[in-house]
N, C-alpha and C. Protein backbone atom coordinates (compact mmCIF):
# COMPACT_ATOMS: atom_id res chain seq x y z
N MET A 1 -14.70 0.15 13.52
CA MET A 1 -13.65 1.13 13.39
C MET A 1 -14.04 1.82 11.96
N THR A 2 -14.38 3.04 12.21
CA THR A 2 -15.02 3.67 10.98
C THR A 2 -13.67 4.51 10.13
N GLU A 3 -13.98 4.81 8.98
CA GLU A 3 -13.16 5.58 8.16
C GLU A 3 -12.86 6.93 8.84
N GLY A 4 -13.66 7.48 9.44
CA GLY A 4 -13.68 8.94 10.18
C GLY A 4 -12.84 8.77 11.13
N PHE A 5 -12.98 7.81 12.04
CA PHE A 5 -12.08 7.42 13.17
C PHE A 5 -10.59 7.27 12.77
N ILE A 6 -10.31 6.45 11.84
CA ILE A 6 -9.08 6.25 11.21
C ILE A 6 -8.44 7.56 10.82
N ILE A 7 -8.99 8.49 10.07
CA ILE A 7 -8.25 9.62 9.48
C ILE A 7 -8.26 10.62 10.72
N THR A 8 -9.06 10.55 11.89
CA THR A 8 -8.88 11.49 12.87
C THR A 8 -7.54 10.94 13.88
N LEU A 9 -7.59 9.59 13.83
CA LEU A 9 -6.44 8.97 14.53
C LEU A 9 -5.02 9.21 14.01
N GLY A 10 -5.02 9.29 12.77
CA GLY A 10 -3.96 9.56 11.93
C GLY A 10 -3.48 11.09 11.80
N ARG A 11 -4.48 11.88 12.14
CA ARG A 11 -4.20 13.36 11.96
C ARG A 11 -3.70 13.62 13.47
N GLU A 12 -4.17 13.13 14.54
CA GLU A 12 -3.72 13.21 15.82
C GLU A 12 -2.43 12.91 15.81
N ALA A 13 -2.02 11.66 15.41
CA ALA A 13 -0.71 11.23 15.65
C ALA A 13 0.31 12.04 14.71
N LEU A 14 -0.03 12.38 13.62
CA LEU A 14 0.73 13.52 12.67
C LEU A 14 0.88 14.88 13.39
N TYR A 15 -0.09 15.08 14.03
CA TYR A 15 -0.21 16.77 15.06
C TYR A 15 1.13 16.40 16.25
N ALA A 16 0.84 15.38 16.84
CA ALA A 16 1.73 15.03 18.04
C ALA A 16 3.13 14.79 17.17
N VAL A 17 3.41 14.47 16.32
CA VAL A 17 4.85 14.28 15.88
C VAL A 17 5.18 15.37 15.49
N LEU A 18 4.31 16.30 14.76
CA LEU A 18 4.74 17.80 14.57
C LEU A 18 5.33 18.61 15.91
N LEU A 19 4.23 18.38 16.62
CA LEU A 19 4.51 19.15 18.18
C LEU A 19 5.76 18.76 18.59
N VAL A 20 6.10 17.40 18.73
CA VAL A 20 7.36 16.98 19.42
C VAL A 20 8.75 17.37 18.61
N SER A 21 8.65 17.48 17.31
CA SER A 21 9.54 17.43 16.62
C SER A 21 10.03 19.15 16.23
N ALA A 22 8.92 19.67 16.46
CA ALA A 22 9.24 21.30 15.93
C ALA A 22 10.18 22.01 16.80
N PRO A 23 10.36 21.95 17.80
CA PRO A 23 11.40 22.77 18.75
C PRO A 23 12.70 22.05 18.34
N LEU A 24 13.05 20.92 18.20
CA LEU A 24 14.22 20.29 17.83
C LEU A 24 14.63 20.96 16.40
N LEU A 25 13.82 20.70 15.53
CA LEU A 25 14.21 21.35 14.22
C LEU A 25 14.34 22.80 14.07
N GLY A 26 13.73 23.36 14.85
CA GLY A 26 13.66 24.82 14.73
C GLY A 26 14.95 25.40 15.33
N ILE A 27 15.51 24.70 16.36
CA ILE A 27 16.67 25.01 17.11
C ILE A 27 17.83 24.65 16.13
N SER A 28 17.56 23.55 15.38
CA SER A 28 18.77 23.19 14.53
C SER A 28 18.72 24.04 13.34
N LEU A 29 17.80 24.40 12.72
CA LEU A 29 17.78 25.47 11.53
C LEU A 29 18.22 26.77 12.30
N LEU A 30 18.00 27.21 13.22
CA LEU A 30 18.50 28.50 13.72
C LEU A 30 20.01 28.36 13.75
N VAL A 31 20.44 27.29 14.61
CA VAL A 31 21.66 27.11 14.76
C VAL A 31 22.58 27.17 13.41
N GLY A 32 22.00 26.39 12.50
CA GLY A 32 22.72 26.16 11.23
C GLY A 32 22.82 27.33 10.51
N LEU A 33 21.56 28.25 10.56
CA LEU A 33 21.80 29.69 9.76
C LEU A 33 22.79 30.48 10.57
N LEU A 34 22.83 30.39 11.81
CA LEU A 34 23.87 31.25 12.53
C LEU A 34 25.27 30.95 12.21
N VAL A 35 25.42 29.62 12.05
CA VAL A 35 26.86 29.12 11.71
C VAL A 35 27.18 29.43 10.11
N SER A 36 26.35 29.37 9.32
CA SER A 36 26.40 29.56 8.16
C SER A 36 26.83 31.12 7.81
N ILE A 37 26.02 32.04 8.81
CA ILE A 37 26.42 33.30 8.64
C ILE A 37 27.84 33.69 9.01
N PHE A 38 28.18 32.95 10.07
CA PHE A 38 29.63 33.00 10.58
C PHE A 38 30.65 32.53 9.56
N GLN A 39 30.39 31.66 9.03
CA GLN A 39 31.23 31.05 7.97
C GLN A 39 31.32 32.03 6.84
N ALA A 40 30.25 32.55 6.25
CA ALA A 40 30.17 33.49 5.33
C ALA A 40 31.00 34.83 5.63
N THR A 41 30.96 35.12 6.73
CA THR A 41 31.45 36.45 7.21
C THR A 41 32.73 36.30 7.43
N THR A 42 33.59 35.11 7.88
CA THR A 42 34.93 34.87 8.35
C THR A 42 35.56 33.97 7.03
N GLN A 43 34.75 33.56 6.05
CA GLN A 43 35.19 32.88 4.78
C GLN A 43 35.84 31.64 5.16
N ILE A 44 35.36 31.03 6.40
CA ILE A 44 35.77 29.97 6.72
C ILE A 44 34.91 28.75 6.17
N GLN A 45 35.21 27.96 5.16
CA GLN A 45 34.39 27.05 4.42
C GLN A 45 34.50 25.54 4.87
N GLU A 46 34.52 25.21 6.09
CA GLU A 46 34.70 23.97 6.53
C GLU A 46 33.18 23.59 6.74
N GLN A 47 33.12 22.15 6.01
CA GLN A 47 31.63 21.56 6.21
C GLN A 47 31.42 21.00 7.15
N THR A 48 32.31 20.51 8.19
CA THR A 48 32.05 19.87 9.24
C THR A 48 31.76 20.68 10.38
N LEU A 49 32.17 22.07 10.45
CA LEU A 49 31.80 23.03 11.56
C LEU A 49 30.45 23.23 11.76
N THR A 50 29.56 22.90 10.91
CA THR A 50 28.14 23.09 11.48
C THR A 50 27.57 21.98 12.39
N PHE A 51 28.15 20.59 12.13
CA PHE A 51 27.57 19.33 12.72
C PHE A 51 27.62 19.64 14.43
N VAL A 52 28.72 20.20 15.01
CA VAL A 52 28.88 20.07 16.42
C VAL A 52 28.15 20.96 17.24
N PRO A 53 28.18 22.31 16.70
CA PRO A 53 27.12 23.09 17.24
C PRO A 53 25.74 22.62 17.39
N LYS A 54 25.44 22.30 16.00
CA LYS A 54 24.08 21.75 15.88
C LYS A 54 23.58 20.49 16.84
N ILE A 55 24.55 19.82 16.93
CA ILE A 55 24.30 18.46 17.94
C ILE A 55 24.13 19.03 19.40
N ILE A 56 25.12 20.03 20.01
CA ILE A 56 24.94 20.77 21.19
C ILE A 56 23.72 21.25 21.45
N ALA A 57 23.30 22.08 20.34
CA ALA A 57 22.13 23.07 20.47
C ALA A 57 20.79 21.96 20.63
N VAL A 58 20.95 20.62 19.81
CA VAL A 58 19.85 19.98 19.79
C VAL A 58 19.63 19.21 21.31
N LEU A 59 20.87 18.83 21.82
CA LEU A 59 20.91 18.11 22.95
C LEU A 59 20.30 19.02 24.06
N VAL A 60 20.92 20.29 24.05
CA VAL A 60 20.29 21.35 25.10
C VAL A 60 18.84 21.44 25.03
N ALA A 61 18.27 21.59 23.74
CA ALA A 61 16.89 21.70 23.50
C ALA A 61 16.21 20.41 24.11
N THR A 62 16.77 19.52 23.62
CA THR A 62 16.03 18.09 24.08
C THR A 62 15.92 18.16 25.73
N VAL A 63 16.89 18.59 26.51
CA VAL A 63 17.01 18.48 27.98
C VAL A 63 15.84 19.77 28.34
N VAL A 64 15.68 20.81 27.61
CA VAL A 64 14.86 22.06 28.10
C VAL A 64 13.47 21.43 27.70
N PHE A 65 13.16 20.77 26.56
CA PHE A 65 11.76 20.45 26.12
C PHE A 65 11.34 19.23 26.25
N ALA A 66 12.29 18.42 26.90
CA ALA A 66 11.80 17.01 27.48
C ALA A 66 10.54 17.00 28.20
N PRO A 67 10.18 17.57 29.09
CA PRO A 67 8.95 17.48 29.97
C PRO A 67 7.68 18.11 29.20
N TRP A 68 8.05 18.83 28.22
CA TRP A 68 6.79 19.23 27.50
C TRP A 68 6.49 18.19 26.37
N MET A 69 7.76 17.58 25.84
CA MET A 69 7.61 16.62 24.76
C MET A 69 7.06 15.46 25.33
N LEU A 70 7.32 14.93 26.46
CA LEU A 70 6.83 13.82 27.28
C LEU A 70 5.28 13.86 27.63
N GLN A 71 5.15 15.06 27.82
CA GLN A 71 3.62 15.30 28.25
C GLN A 71 2.53 15.27 27.04
N ILE A 72 3.11 15.69 25.85
CA ILE A 72 2.35 15.73 24.60
C ILE A 72 2.37 14.03 24.23
N LEU A 73 3.33 13.23 24.22
CA LEU A 73 3.61 11.95 23.89
C LEU A 73 2.54 11.18 24.83
N ALA A 74 2.74 11.58 26.09
CA ALA A 74 1.86 10.73 26.99
C ALA A 74 0.25 11.05 26.94
N SER A 75 0.09 12.23 26.39
CA SER A 75 -1.47 12.57 26.33
C SER A 75 -1.87 11.76 24.86
N PHE A 76 -1.08 11.60 24.06
CA PHE A 76 -1.27 10.97 22.74
C PHE A 76 -1.56 9.59 23.27
N THR A 77 -0.63 8.73 23.61
CA THR A 77 -0.73 7.33 24.28
C THR A 77 -1.87 7.20 25.09
N GLN A 78 -2.30 8.27 26.17
CA GLN A 78 -3.42 7.80 26.93
C GLN A 78 -4.61 7.88 25.98
N SER A 79 -4.67 8.75 25.07
CA SER A 79 -5.98 8.74 23.91
C SER A 79 -5.85 7.63 23.31
N LEU A 80 -4.91 6.99 22.92
CA LEU A 80 -4.82 5.58 22.15
C LEU A 80 -5.57 4.42 23.15
N TYR A 81 -5.00 4.51 24.39
CA TYR A 81 -5.74 3.32 25.53
C TYR A 81 -6.93 3.64 25.83
N LEU A 82 -7.39 5.09 25.82
CA LEU A 82 -8.86 5.01 26.16
C LEU A 82 -9.77 4.72 24.85
N ASN A 83 -9.22 4.69 23.62
CA ASN A 83 -10.10 4.43 22.44
C ASN A 83 -9.65 2.93 21.82
N LEU A 84 -8.86 2.01 22.91
CA LEU A 84 -8.23 0.84 22.41
C LEU A 84 -9.64 -0.01 21.84
N HIS A 85 -10.97 -0.03 22.68
CA HIS A 85 -11.89 -0.92 22.26
C HIS A 85 -12.41 -0.37 20.76
N ARG A 86 -12.23 0.61 20.45
CA ARG A 86 -12.52 1.14 19.09
C ARG A 86 -11.52 0.83 18.06
N LEU A 87 -10.25 0.88 18.57
CA LEU A 87 -9.41 0.27 17.56
C LEU A 87 -9.26 -1.45 17.36
N ALA A 88 -9.69 -2.00 18.36
CA ALA A 88 -9.81 -3.36 18.34
C ALA A 88 -11.18 -3.97 17.74
N GLY A 89 -11.90 -2.90 17.34
CA GLY A 89 -12.90 -3.29 16.36
C GLY A 89 -14.26 -3.70 17.32
N GLY A 90 -14.31 -3.25 18.58
CA GLY A 90 -15.27 -3.57 19.40
C GLY A 90 -16.56 -2.42 19.43
N GLY A 91 -16.27 -1.68 18.45
CA GLY A 91 -17.45 -0.42 18.42
C GLY A 91 -17.12 1.00 18.69
């Protein structure tokens, strides 16, 4: 197992994590921004008001993006299994 292989494996793992988490984080950020604008315009300053819409939006986004996210994770896992001999030190 070479240093280059370890770096490549780490880069692929980080890329997979970023791809899987990006839609959920983006939706959460967008909903938080919209709720903040709503709070600023109506002058409702309730701190817990942002949590329920964010949770609902993330759950809906998870259902919508789940097949794509599972495909990304399955592809990464398959890549790990195909390179298992290199991870175990077999060359």
